[in-house]
Amino acid sequence: MDDVQRLDLKALIKYIDDQKELKANLILDEGCALMVQDAKPLVKALNYIFNYLTRLTNHPLQISLDLMHDQYLLSFLAYTQTEEFPPLSEELQAILAEYNARYELLPHPGSYVQIKIHFDRPQNM
């Protein structure tokens, strides 16, 4: 079960977006890839984030993936009138840690909510 595979984050985001038939504006850099043994927990975590944000807005999500020097930054932004945001699942950070990633929740009540996921950029890719 040590089969490591290359996971293209741009292709994954586009796939989830297509499957969910979301209204989203995507700005996704090329070249953001991870070496993973099992992509399913990450797919579930990203689906969870999509579901969390779509419950808070009627507007298209703004999703960007940025290839940076030492990391990949995946950002989700949802415009919303919501004043109070439900907490994110406590499991989310543990799942992301398996992929050398962490998240930030940046709520701006009555305006927007943003979730940023920082992936450490693999050195050997």
Protein backbone atom coordinates (compact mmCIF):
# COMPACT_ATOMS: atom_id res chain seq x y z
CA MET A 1 0.00 0.00 0.00
CA ASP A 2 3.01 2.31 -0.38
CA ASP A 3 1.84 3.41 -3.82
CA VAL A 4 2.58 7.12 -3.93
CA GLN A 5 0.87 9.06 -6.67
CA ARG A 6 1.09 12.60 -7.96
CA LEU A 7 -2.00 14.66 -7.16
CA ASP A 8 -2.50 17.78 -9.28
CA LEU A 9 -4.34 20.29 -7.10
CA LYS A 10 -5.64 22.32 -10.06
CA ALA A 11 -7.18 19.22 -11.65
CA LEU A 12 -8.65 18.18 -8.28
CA ILE A 13 -10.31 21.56 -7.67
CA LYS A 14 -11.72 21.63 -11.21
CA TYR A 15 -13.01 18.06 -10.80
CA ILE A 16 -14.78 18.85 -7.50
CA ASP A 17 -16.20 22.06 -8.99
CA ASP A 18 -17.53 20.15 -12.02
CA GLN A 19 -19.00 17.33 -9.91
CA LYS A 20 -20.78 19.72 -7.56
CA GLU A 21 -21.88 21.99 -10.43
CA LEU A 22 -20.99 24.99 -8.31
CA LYS A 23 -21.07 28.60 -9.28
CA ALA A 24 -17.42 29.45 -8.78
CA ASN A 25 -14.80 31.71 -10.26
CA LEU A 26 -11.56 29.77 -10.53
CA ILE A 27 -8.08 31.22 -10.84
CA LEU A 28 -5.77 28.23 -10.61
CA ASP A 29 -2.02 28.16 -11.18
CA GLU A 30 -0.37 25.23 -12.95
CA GLY A 31 2.30 23.13 -11.26
CA CYS A 32 0.75 22.70 -7.81
CA ALA A 33 1.07 19.00 -7.07
CA LEU A 34 1.48 16.76 -4.05
CA MET A 35 2.80 13.24 -3.72
CA VAL A 36 0.14 11.29 -1.79
CA GLN A 37 -0.67 7.73 -0.84
CA ASP A 38 -4.39 8.33 -0.51
CA ALA A 39 -6.17 11.39 -1.90
CA LYS A 40 -9.60 10.49 -0.44
CA PRO A 41 -9.23 12.32 2.91
CA LEU A 42 -8.11 15.48 1.11
CA VAL A 43 -11.02 15.22 -1.35
CA LYS A 44 -13.43 14.85 1.58
CA ALA A 45 -11.87 17.85 3.36
CA LEU A 46 -12.16 20.03 0.25
CA ASN A 47 -15.76 18.89 -0.29
CA TYR A 48 -16.48 19.82 3.32
CA ILE A 49 -15.08 23.33 2.71
CA PHE A 50 -17.12 23.71 -0.49
CA ASN A 51 -20.27 22.65 1.39
CA TYR A 52 -19.52 24.90 4.37
CA LEU A 53 -19.11 27.97 2.16
CA THR A 54 -22.00 27.33 -0.23
CA ARG A 55 -24.38 27.26 2.76
CA LEU A 56 -23.30 30.81 3.61
CA THR A 57 -23.75 32.50 0.24
CA ASN A 58 -25.86 32.85 -2.88
CA HIS A 59 -22.92 34.30 -4.80
CA PRO A 60 -20.28 32.39 -6.77
CA LEU A 61 -17.31 31.23 -4.70
CA GLN A 62 -13.96 32.81 -5.49
CA ILE A 63 -11.33 30.07 -5.56
CA SER A 64 -7.66 30.62 -6.25
CA LEU A 65 -4.62 28.35 -6.22
CA ASP A 66 -1.27 30.11 -6.13
CA LEU A 67 2.10 28.53 -6.84
CA MET A 68 4.50 30.26 -4.48
CA HIS A 69 8.20 29.81 -3.75
CA ASP A 70 7.80 27.66 -0.63
CA GLN A 71 4.10 26.77 -0.62
CA TYR A 72 0.87 26.39 -2.52
CA LEU A 73 -1.93 28.67 -1.33
CA LEU A 74 -5.49 27.52 -1.93
CA SER A 75 -7.96 30.27 -1.10
CA PHE A 76 -11.75 30.09 -0.92
CA LEU A 77 -13.75 33.30 -0.56
CA ALA A 78 -17.52 33.56 -0.17
CA TYR A 79 -19.36 36.87 -0.10
CA THR A 80 -22.05 36.70 2.56
CA GLN A 81 -24.36 38.75 4.75
CA THR A 82 -23.87 36.23 7.56
CA GLU A 83 -22.90 37.77 10.89
CA GLU A 84 -21.97 34.58 12.76
CA PHE A 85 -20.11 31.65 11.26
CA PRO A 86 -20.44 28.08 12.48
CA PRO A 87 -17.17 26.51 13.61
CA LEU A 88 -15.29 24.30 11.19
CA SER A 89 -14.92 20.61 12.00
CA GLU A 90 -12.16 19.84 14.47
CA GLU A 91 -11.08 17.02 12.16
CA LEU A 92 -10.17 19.40 9.33
CA GLN A 93 -6.76 20.39 10.69
CA ALA A 94 -5.77 16.77 11.36
CA ILE A 95 -6.73 15.73 7.83
CA LEU A 96 -4.83 18.63 6.27
CA ALA A 97 -1.77 17.87 8.40
CA GLU A 98 -1.51 14.52 6.58
CA TYR A 99 -0.80 16.57 3.43
CA ASN A 100 1.62 19.02 5.12
CA ALA A 101 -1.09 21.66 5.09
CA ARG A 102 -2.89 23.95 7.52
CA TYR A 103 -5.86 26.26 7.21
CA GLU A 104 -6.86 29.74 8.31
CA LEU A 105 -10.47 30.86 8.72
CA LEU A 106 -10.81 34.60 8.11
CA PRO A 107 -14.39 35.71 8.83
CA HIS A 108 -15.54 39.23 8.06
CA PRO A 109 -19.13 39.30 9.39
CA GLY A 110 -21.67 40.83 7.05
CA SER A 111 -19.19 40.93 4.18
CA TYR A 112 -17.28 37.72 3.40
CA VAL A 113 -15.56 34.67 4.80
CA GLN A 114 -12.27 33.32 3.53
CA ILE A 115 -10.58 29.99 4.10
CA LYS A 116 -6.92 29.74 3.18
CA ILE A 117 -5.12 26.42 2.96
CA HIS A 118 -1.34 26.54 2.99
CA PHE A 119 0.37 23.45 1.56
CA ASP A 120 4.10 23.08 2.10
CA ARG A 121 5.65 22.87 -1.34
CA PRO A 122 7.42 19.52 -1.85
CA GLN A 123 11.14 19.99 -2.34
CA ASN A 124 11.63 17.10 -4.76
CA MET A 125 9.08 18.04 -7.42
